[in-house]
Protein backbone atom coordinates (compact mmCIF):
# COMPACT_ATOMS: atom_id res chain seq x y z
CA MET A 1 44.82 85.82 111.90
CA MET A 2 45.99 82.42 110.62
CA THR A 3 43.52 79.51 110.92
CA ASN A 4 44.94 76.19 112.04
CA ARG A 5 44.04 73.69 109.31
CA THR A 6 46.26 70.63 109.18
CA ASP A 7 46.19 70.25 105.42
CA ARG A 8 47.34 73.79 104.59
CA ILE A 9 50.40 76.02 104.93
CA TYR A 10 49.86 79.61 106.02
CA ALA A 11 52.06 82.68 105.71
CA ARG A 12 51.49 86.22 106.92
CA TYR A 13 53.09 89.19 105.28
CA TRP A 14 53.40 92.96 105.54
CA ILE A 15 53.04 94.60 102.15
CA GLU A 16 53.31 98.14 100.76
CA THR A 17 51.81 98.82 97.31
CA ALA A 18 50.36 101.44 95.06
CA PHE A 19 47.92 98.81 93.67
CA PRO A 20 44.51 98.06 95.19
CA LEU A 21 45.11 95.69 98.08
CA GLU A 22 42.87 92.91 96.73
CA GLN A 23 44.65 93.01 93.38
CA ALA A 24 48.07 93.04 95.08
CA ALA A 25 47.16 90.04 97.29
CA ALA A 26 45.82 88.14 94.33
CA THR A 27 49.09 88.88 92.50
CA MET A 28 51.03 87.33 95.45
CA ALA A 29 48.82 84.23 95.48
CA GLY A 30 49.06 83.69 91.79
CA GLU A 31 52.83 84.26 91.57
CA GLN A 32 53.45 81.66 94.24
CA SER A 33 51.08 78.98 93.01
CA THR A 34 49.35 78.38 89.71
CA GLY A 35 49.25 81.78 88.05
CA THR A 36 51.36 84.06 85.94
CA PHE A 37 50.68 87.49 84.56
CA LEU A 38 48.46 86.00 81.86
CA ARG A 39 46.05 83.07 82.11
CA VAL A 40 47.56 80.14 80.08
CA PRO A 41 45.67 77.23 78.49
CA GLY A 42 46.82 74.66 81.02
CA GLU A 43 45.57 76.68 83.93
CA THR A 44 42.11 75.09 84.10
CA ASP A 45 39.54 75.84 86.73
CA GLU A 46 40.04 72.35 88.16
CA LEU A 47 43.80 72.92 88.47
CA ARG A 48 43.27 76.26 90.20
CA GLU A 49 40.74 74.78 92.61
CA ARG A 50 43.25 72.13 93.69
CA TYR A 51 46.53 73.99 93.65
CA ALA A 52 45.99 77.74 93.77
CA ALA A 53 47.03 79.75 96.85
CA VAL A 54 44.16 81.43 98.69
CA VAL A 55 44.02 84.90 100.10
CA GLU A 56 42.82 84.25 103.64
CA GLY A 57 42.80 87.85 104.89
CA ILE A 58 43.75 91.45 104.28
CA GLU A 59 44.13 93.89 107.18
CA GLU A 60 44.71 97.44 105.87
CA GLN A 61 47.08 99.67 107.82
CA GLN A 62 48.20 103.33 107.42
CA PRO A 63 49.30 104.54 104.00
CA VAL A 64 52.79 105.83 103.44
CA ASP A 65 54.05 108.94 101.57
CA ALA A 66 56.87 107.40 99.67
CA PRO A 67 58.01 103.92 98.52
CA SER A 68 60.31 102.05 100.93
CA LEU A 69 62.09 100.18 98.24
CA PRO A 70 63.22 101.22 94.69
CA GLY A 71 61.86 99.85 91.50
CA SER A 72 58.18 99.57 92.30
CA GLY A 73 55.47 100.43 89.77
CA THR A 74 52.09 102.14 89.90
CA PRO A 75 48.84 101.06 88.23
CA LYS A 76 47.05 102.94 85.43
CA ASN A 77 44.79 105.67 86.74
CA TRP A 78 46.59 105.50 90.09
CA ASP A 79 44.79 107.32 92.89
CA GLY A 80 48.12 108.44 94.47
CA VAL A 81 47.71 106.36 97.57
CA ARG A 82 50.46 103.89 98.64
CA ARG A 83 48.74 101.43 100.93
CA THR A 84 50.07 99.03 103.54
CA ALA A 85 48.44 95.95 104.91
CA GLU A 86 48.97 92.53 106.52
CA VAL A 87 48.04 89.75 104.09
CA THR A 88 47.66 86.09 104.91
CA LEU A 89 47.95 83.49 102.22
CA SER A 90 47.51 79.75 102.33
CA TRP A 91 48.53 76.78 100.19
CA PRO A 92 47.40 73.19 100.15
CA LEU A 93 50.12 70.93 101.65
CA HIS A 94 50.00 68.75 98.59
CA ASN A 95 51.54 71.45 96.47
CA ILE A 96 54.97 70.79 97.90
CA GLY A 97 54.73 68.12 100.62
CA PRO A 98 56.56 68.58 103.92
CA SER A 99 59.71 70.10 102.49
CA LEU A 100 61.50 73.06 104.05
CA PRO A 101 63.55 74.02 100.91
CA ASN A 102 60.36 74.05 98.81
CA LEU A 103 58.47 75.78 101.58
CA LEU A 104 60.96 78.67 101.21
CA ALA A 105 60.42 78.74 97.48
CA THR A 106 56.62 78.88 98.09
CA VAL A 107 56.30 81.37 100.93
CA ALA A 108 59.19 83.67 99.78
CA GLY A 109 60.34 82.84 96.21
CA ASN A 110 60.14 85.78 93.88
CA LEU A 111 57.63 87.82 95.92
CA SER A 112 60.08 90.52 97.03
CA GLU A 113 61.01 91.22 93.40
CA LEU A 114 57.51 91.90 92.19
CA LYS A 115 57.17 95.45 90.74
CA ALA A 116 53.71 95.82 92.31
CA PHE A 117 55.30 96.10 95.75
CA SER A 118 57.49 98.78 97.29
CA GLY A 119 57.68 96.71 100.48
CA LEU A 120 56.98 93.06 101.28
CA LYS A 121 58.18 91.14 104.36
CA LEU A 122 57.37 87.63 105.59
CA LEU A 123 56.12 87.93 109.18
CA ASP A 124 55.10 84.47 110.24
CA ILE A 125 54.38 80.99 109.03
CA MET A 126 52.12 78.17 110.33
CA LEU A 127 52.87 74.65 109.22
CA PRO A 128 50.88 71.41 109.51
CA PRO A 129 52.18 68.64 111.79
CA ALA A 130 52.90 66.57 108.65
CA PHE A 131 56.31 68.35 108.52
CA LEU A 132 57.25 66.18 111.53
CA THR A 133 57.12 63.14 109.30
CA THR A 134 60.13 64.50 107.42
CA TYR A 135 61.85 66.63 110.06
CA GLN A 136 62.90 65.55 113.61
CA GLY A 137 62.84 68.96 115.34
CA PRO A 138 65.08 69.55 118.39
CA GLN A 139 66.49 66.51 120.08
CA PHE A 140 67.11 68.05 123.50
CA GLY A 141 65.65 71.59 123.66
CA VAL A 142 65.23 73.25 127.08
CA SER A 143 64.87 70.18 129.24
CA GLY A 144 67.75 68.30 127.69
CA THR A 145 70.02 71.27 127.95
CA ARG A 146 69.24 71.51 131.63
CA ASP A 147 69.79 67.73 132.13
CA PHE A 148 73.22 67.96 130.51
CA THR A 149 74.35 70.89 132.72
CA GLY A 150 72.46 70.13 135.91
CA VAL A 151 71.14 73.68 136.05
CA TYR A 152 67.39 73.73 136.74
CA ASP A 153 66.39 76.74 138.85
CA ARG A 154 67.97 79.64 136.95
CA PRO A 155 69.24 80.61 133.55
CA LEU A 156 72.40 79.04 132.24
CA ILE A 157 75.16 81.57 132.62
CA GLY A 158 77.28 81.48 129.56
CA THR A 159 80.06 83.24 127.71
CA ILE A 160 81.84 83.48 124.43
CA ILE A 161 85.54 82.76 124.09
CA LYS A 162 87.30 86.14 123.64
CA PRO A 163 89.24 87.31 121.73
CA SER A 164 86.96 85.74 119.10
CA ILE A 165 89.89 84.60 116.96
CA GLY A 166 93.65 84.66 117.18
CA MET A 167 94.34 82.50 120.23
CA SER A 168 95.95 79.13 120.05
CA ALA A 169 94.26 75.88 121.17
CA GLU A 170 96.31 75.95 124.38
CA THR A 171 95.51 79.58 125.19
CA THR A 172 91.79 78.90 124.53
CA ALA A 173 91.87 75.93 126.86
CA GLU A 174 93.49 78.00 129.60
CA GLN A 175 90.68 80.58 129.31
CA VAL A 176 88.23 77.78 129.51
CA ARG A 177 89.89 76.42 132.67
CA VAL A 178 89.52 79.81 134.32
CA LEU A 179 85.88 80.06 133.28
CA ALA A 180 85.05 76.50 134.47
CA GLU A 181 86.62 77.14 137.84
CA ALA A 182 84.68 80.37 138.09
CA GLY A 183 81.43 78.43 137.90
CA ILE A 184 80.30 79.07 134.31
CA ASP A 185 77.58 76.76 132.84
CA PHE A 186 78.00 77.22 129.11
CA ILE A 187 80.94 78.25 126.85
CA LYS A 188 80.78 78.76 123.10
CA ASP A 189 83.26 79.36 120.31
CA ASP A 190 82.76 82.60 118.39
CA GLU A 191 81.29 82.03 114.90
CA LEU A 192 84.55 83.33 113.43
CA GLN A 193 86.54 80.46 115.01
CA SER A 194 86.13 77.06 113.39
CA ASP A 195 89.16 75.37 111.88
CA GLY A 196 91.84 77.99 111.04
CA PRO A 197 95.48 76.92 110.83
CA HIS A 198 96.39 78.89 114.02
CA CYS A 199 93.78 77.03 116.10
CA PRO A 200 92.66 73.80 114.27
CA PHE A 201 89.26 72.37 115.36
CA GLU A 202 90.63 69.01 116.57
CA ASP A 203 93.45 70.61 118.53
CA ARG A 204 91.07 73.10 120.19
CA LEU A 205 88.50 70.46 120.95
CA LYS A 206 91.00 68.14 122.49
CA ALA A 207 92.52 70.85 124.64
CA VAL A 208 89.23 72.45 125.79
CA GLN A 209 87.26 69.24 126.34
CA GLY A 210 90.26 67.78 128.24
CA VAL A 211 90.10 70.72 130.64
CA LEU A 212 86.31 70.37 131.05
CA ASN A 213 86.47 66.56 131.52
CA ARG A 214 89.04 66.98 134.29
CA HIS A 215 86.89 69.66 135.90
CA ARG A 216 83.83 67.36 135.71
CA ASP A 217 85.75 64.46 137.27
CA ARG A 218 87.01 66.65 140.09
CA THR A 219 83.87 68.65 140.88
CA GLY A 220 80.91 66.73 139.36
CA LYS A 221 79.91 69.80 137.31
CA ARG A 222 79.60 69.33 133.58
CA VAL A 223 80.19 72.60 131.65
CA MET A 224 78.63 72.61 128.20
CA TYR A 225 81.06 73.68 125.43
CA ALA A 226 79.56 74.50 122.03
CA ALA A 227 82.45 73.77 119.67
CA ASN A 228 81.93 75.49 116.29
CA LEU A 229 82.07 72.75 113.64
CA THR A 230 80.64 74.77 110.74
CA GLY A 231 82.00 73.56 107.46
CA ASP A 232 81.14 71.32 104.60
CA LEU A 233 78.78 68.47 105.40
CA ASP A 234 81.45 65.73 105.49
CA GLN A 235 83.65 67.92 107.78
CA MET A 236 80.72 68.59 110.15
CA LEU A 237 79.81 64.97 110.49
CA ARG A 238 83.41 64.07 111.10
CA ARG A 239 83.79 66.86 113.67
CA HIS A 240 80.61 65.80 115.44
CA ASP A 241 82.06 62.37 115.93
CA GLN A 242 85.26 63.91 117.33
CA ILE A 243 83.17 65.85 119.94
CA VAL A 244 81.47 62.62 120.95
CA ALA A 245 84.81 60.84 121.22
CA HIS A 246 86.12 63.56 123.45
CA GLU A 247 82.97 63.30 125.67
CA GLY A 248 81.55 66.68 124.68
CA THR A 249 77.86 67.54 124.89
CA CYS A 250 77.27 70.32 122.41
CA LEU A 251 78.07 71.47 118.89
CA MET A 252 77.68 74.93 117.37
CA VAL A 253 76.82 75.61 113.73
CA SER A 254 76.25 78.83 111.75
CA MET A 255 72.77 78.18 110.36
CA ASN A 256 72.84 80.53 107.35
CA SER A 257 76.24 79.24 106.27
CA ILE A 258 75.17 75.60 105.94
CA GLY A 259 71.47 75.72 104.94
CA LEU A 260 68.45 73.75 105.91
CA PRO A 261 69.27 70.46 104.15
CA ALA A 262 72.65 70.21 105.75
CA MET A 263 71.13 70.99 109.15
CA LYS A 264 68.59 68.22 108.64
CA MET A 265 71.37 65.73 107.93
CA LEU A 266 73.39 66.94 110.85
CA ARG A 267 70.41 66.58 113.20
CA ALA A 268 69.78 63.00 111.93
CA HIS A 269 73.40 62.12 112.73
CA SER A 270 73.76 64.02 115.98
CA GLN A 271 74.01 62.75 119.53
CA LEU A 272 74.68 66.26 120.79
CA VAL A 273 72.82 69.45 121.67
CA ILE A 274 72.88 71.68 118.59
CA HIS A 275 73.55 75.35 119.26
CA GLY A 276 72.33 77.24 116.21
CA HIS A 277 74.04 80.55 115.59
CA ARG A 278 71.95 83.00 113.53
CA ASN A 279 74.80 85.20 112.18
CA GLY A 280 73.73 86.67 108.92
CA TRP A 281 70.12 86.98 110.01
CA GLY A 282 70.43 90.77 109.85
CA MET A 283 70.56 90.56 106.04
CA LEU A 284 67.19 88.89 106.18
CA GLY A 285 65.56 90.75 109.05
CA ARG A 286 66.97 94.21 109.53
CA SER A 287 64.83 96.05 106.96
CA PRO A 288 61.22 96.66 107.92
CA ALA A 289 60.32 96.59 104.27
CA THR A 290 61.76 93.31 102.97
CA GLY A 291 63.16 89.93 104.09
CA MET A 292 61.72 87.86 106.89
CA SER A 293 61.01 88.23 110.62
CA PHE A 294 62.88 86.13 113.13
CA VAL A 295 59.56 84.72 114.25
CA ALA A 296 59.30 83.01 110.85
CA PHE A 297 63.01 82.29 110.49
CA GLN A 298 63.41 80.37 113.71
CA LYS A 299 60.54 78.05 112.95
CA LEU A 300 62.41 76.64 109.92
CA TRP A 301 65.48 75.93 111.99
CA ARG A 302 63.54 74.44 114.94
CA LEU A 303 62.08 71.89 112.53
CA ALA A 304 65.43 71.19 111.02
CA GLY A 305 66.75 70.29 114.51
CA ILE A 306 68.41 73.07 116.48
CA ASP A 307 68.14 73.09 120.34
CA HIS A 308 69.34 76.69 120.97
CA THR A 309 69.46 79.90 119.02
CA HIS A 310 70.46 83.49 119.64
CA VAL A 311 67.87 86.21 120.03
CA ASN A 312 70.14 89.23 120.89
CA GLY A 313 69.45 90.78 124.28
CA LEU A 314 68.01 93.82 125.89
CA ARG A 315 69.81 97.11 125.18
CA ASN A 316 72.10 95.16 122.90
CA LYS A 317 75.00 96.39 120.85
CA PHE A 318 73.15 95.80 117.60
CA CYS A 319 70.16 97.53 116.07
CA GLU A 320 67.37 95.22 117.26
CA PRO A 321 64.90 96.87 119.59
CA ASP A 322 64.01 95.25 122.94
CA GLN A 323 60.40 94.45 121.90
CA SER A 324 61.72 92.39 118.95
CA VAL A 325 64.20 90.57 121.17
CA ILE A 326 61.54 89.51 123.65
CA ALA A 327 59.14 88.50 120.87
CA SER A 328 61.83 86.31 119.35
CA ALA A 329 62.61 84.65 122.68
CA ARG A 330 58.91 84.01 123.42
CA GLU A 331 58.51 82.37 120.04
CA CYS A 332 61.44 79.98 120.71
CA LEU A 333 59.56 78.78 123.80
CA THR A 334 56.12 78.64 122.14
CA PRO A 335 54.97 75.26 120.77
CA MET A 336 54.75 75.13 116.94
CA PHE A 337 52.19 72.28 116.91
CA PRO A 338 49.25 71.33 119.19
CA PRO A 339 49.49 68.14 121.31
CA PRO A 340 50.07 65.29 120.94
CA ALA A 341 52.64 66.42 118.36
CA PRO A 342 56.02 67.62 119.80
CA GLY A 343 56.00 71.38 120.28
CA CYS A 344 59.62 71.80 119.21
CA GLU A 345 60.44 74.44 121.82
CA ILE A 346 64.11 75.55 121.97
CA MET A 347 66.30 77.48 124.37
CA PRO A 348 66.67 81.20 123.51
CA VAL A 349 70.19 82.55 123.94
CA PHE A 350 70.49 86.20 125.15
CA SER A 351 73.83 87.80 124.13
CA SER A 352 75.46 90.91 122.67
CA GLY A 353 76.40 93.52 125.27
CA GLN A 354 74.68 91.71 128.22
CA SER A 355 75.68 92.13 131.81
CA ALA A 356 74.12 91.91 135.24
CA SER A 357 72.20 95.21 134.59
CA GLN A 358 69.76 93.64 132.07
CA ALA A 359 68.76 90.64 134.13
CA PRO A 360 65.72 92.05 135.93
CA ASP A 361 64.21 93.59 132.77
CA THR A 362 64.78 90.40 130.86
CA TYR A 363 63.02 88.29 133.51
CA ALA A 364 60.17 90.77 133.85
CA ALA A 365 59.59 90.78 130.04
CA LEU A 366 60.09 87.06 129.34
CA GLY A 367 58.58 85.68 132.58
CA THR A 368 60.80 82.61 132.74
CA THR A 369 64.40 81.55 133.41
CA ASP A 370 64.43 79.11 130.48
CA LEU A 371 67.22 80.79 128.60
CA ILE A 372 71.00 81.01 128.24
CA TYR A 373 72.42 84.34 129.37
CA ALA A 374 75.68 84.75 127.49
CA CYS A 375 78.00 87.56 128.49
CA GLY A 376 81.44 88.22 127.15
CA GLY A 377 82.67 91.47 128.65
CA GLY A 378 80.02 91.08 131.37
CA ILE A 379 82.15 88.19 132.74
CA LEU A 380 85.67 88.54 131.33
CA GLY A 381 85.68 92.35 131.93
CA HIS A 382 84.54 92.27 135.54
CA PRO A 383 86.88 94.44 137.65
CA MET A 384 87.13 91.71 140.38
CA GLY A 385 87.88 88.95 137.99
CA VAL A 386 86.10 86.20 136.02
CA ALA A 387 84.73 84.31 139.07
CA ALA A 388 83.19 87.60 140.32
CA GLY A 389 81.75 88.16 136.87
CA VAL A 390 79.98 84.80 136.84
CA LEU A 391 78.76 85.32 140.46
CA SER A 392 77.51 88.82 139.70
CA LEU A 393 75.23 87.39 136.94
CA GLN A 394 73.93 84.66 139.24
CA GLN A 395 73.20 87.28 141.86
CA ALA A 396 71.43 89.53 139.35
CA TRP A 397 69.13 86.70 138.35
CA GLU A 398 68.49 85.78 142.02
CA ALA A 399 67.46 89.41 142.53
CA ALA A 400 65.25 89.34 139.42
CA ALA A 401 63.46 86.13 140.46
CA GLU A 402 62.88 87.44 143.98
CA ASN A 403 61.72 90.87 142.59
CA VAL A 404 64.35 92.73 144.66
CA PRO A 405 65.85 95.86 143.07
CA LEU A 406 69.44 95.30 141.90
CA ALA A 407 70.79 98.15 143.98
CA THR A 408 69.30 96.66 147.13
CA TYR A 409 70.56 93.21 146.35
CA ALA A 410 74.05 94.60 145.62
CA ALA A 411 74.33 96.26 149.00
CA THR A 412 75.62 93.07 150.53
CA ARG A 413 77.06 91.48 147.39
CA PRO A 414 80.27 93.22 146.28
CA GLU A 415 80.46 91.29 143.00
CA LEU A 416 77.10 92.58 141.83
CA ALA A 417 77.85 96.07 143.13
CA ALA A 418 81.07 96.18 141.10
CA ALA A 419 79.25 94.96 137.96
CA LEU A 420 76.57 97.64 138.31
CA LYS A 421 79.16 100.30 138.87
CA LEU A 422 80.99 99.29 135.66
CA PHE A 423 78.05 98.46 133.43
CA GLY A 424 75.29 100.63 134.86
CA SER A 425 72.23 99.65 136.86
């Protein structure tokens, strides 16, 4: 369990090792602070007292029969047991100051390469509020997103432009027109679509936002469009300004593609909601034996300034289990810092194979409607058309909030009934 001291950084890990747990944990602490494999003359007791990482706790778990990762070593006179545990380390903030790039070097660094470990994964981090002196955190988050869209009493119903890539700016805008007229709240570019020659960013933005602005002027409803401006930093800042000039409200960026320092600069410049796409997270999170959990990952990006991020969805098309999806979504909505510091909560985005059928289970597990429910095929593939697809999702969430079984609710709502017939109940 991590203690909340405001002058220290905490990190919790899962480890697998053939070495005694206390020795393994000490190796981690030494590698990531003052130590090396041999005590050197400059490593005085005073230096260690001020700068060394501290092993805060070790919670042993069940041993394993075989190493999870290749290349691990064993100690002399090994007892043949490969142990697992959760280990918590802490560092004084003055080692690095409030710096996310250097935080990553501290809590991750070379740890996963150490021969003493056949498994090592970062599970969580706890940071002191001093990080808020350097990083702004989300500008809009849940409440700002709701204010921009005017949707307060249910999830935002969203979708992804499909096909992901290959359509012209004009064809994309026509799809957006149909979606807007169907009652959609949120539309995003796919992460594969940014500024290709067949659909340049500025042409697509002008066409799509023109459609949405005319829809807003005619109906009063402002649909949020997350235009993917991922690119080099100068390109992203210029594209941000283009979105503002065309009266847009949101930008999308691939977080792993641009890095934390670029996100910090984009957030400092931004007047828009920042939709953070986590594509590439699977390389960090999929293995149970290495990498980093999404719980830890999303905290870094929240501080850097995103307002939304994807968490997958229940019964999704990827490999992530439902329990992990819900844990990720809950963390997005959980304050990082105690009052009076800003909590930095952000809007979780449920996506990947979602339809009306998952709405009740999602609501029951999460206990809130503070989310974006993004469905591609669940809207665009509805047998009664796009408008019926949007309406079926609204109906499914109404049923969930009222604790009415979907089949009962669908008895008098043909749009929901058709969705359940196609996608399952």
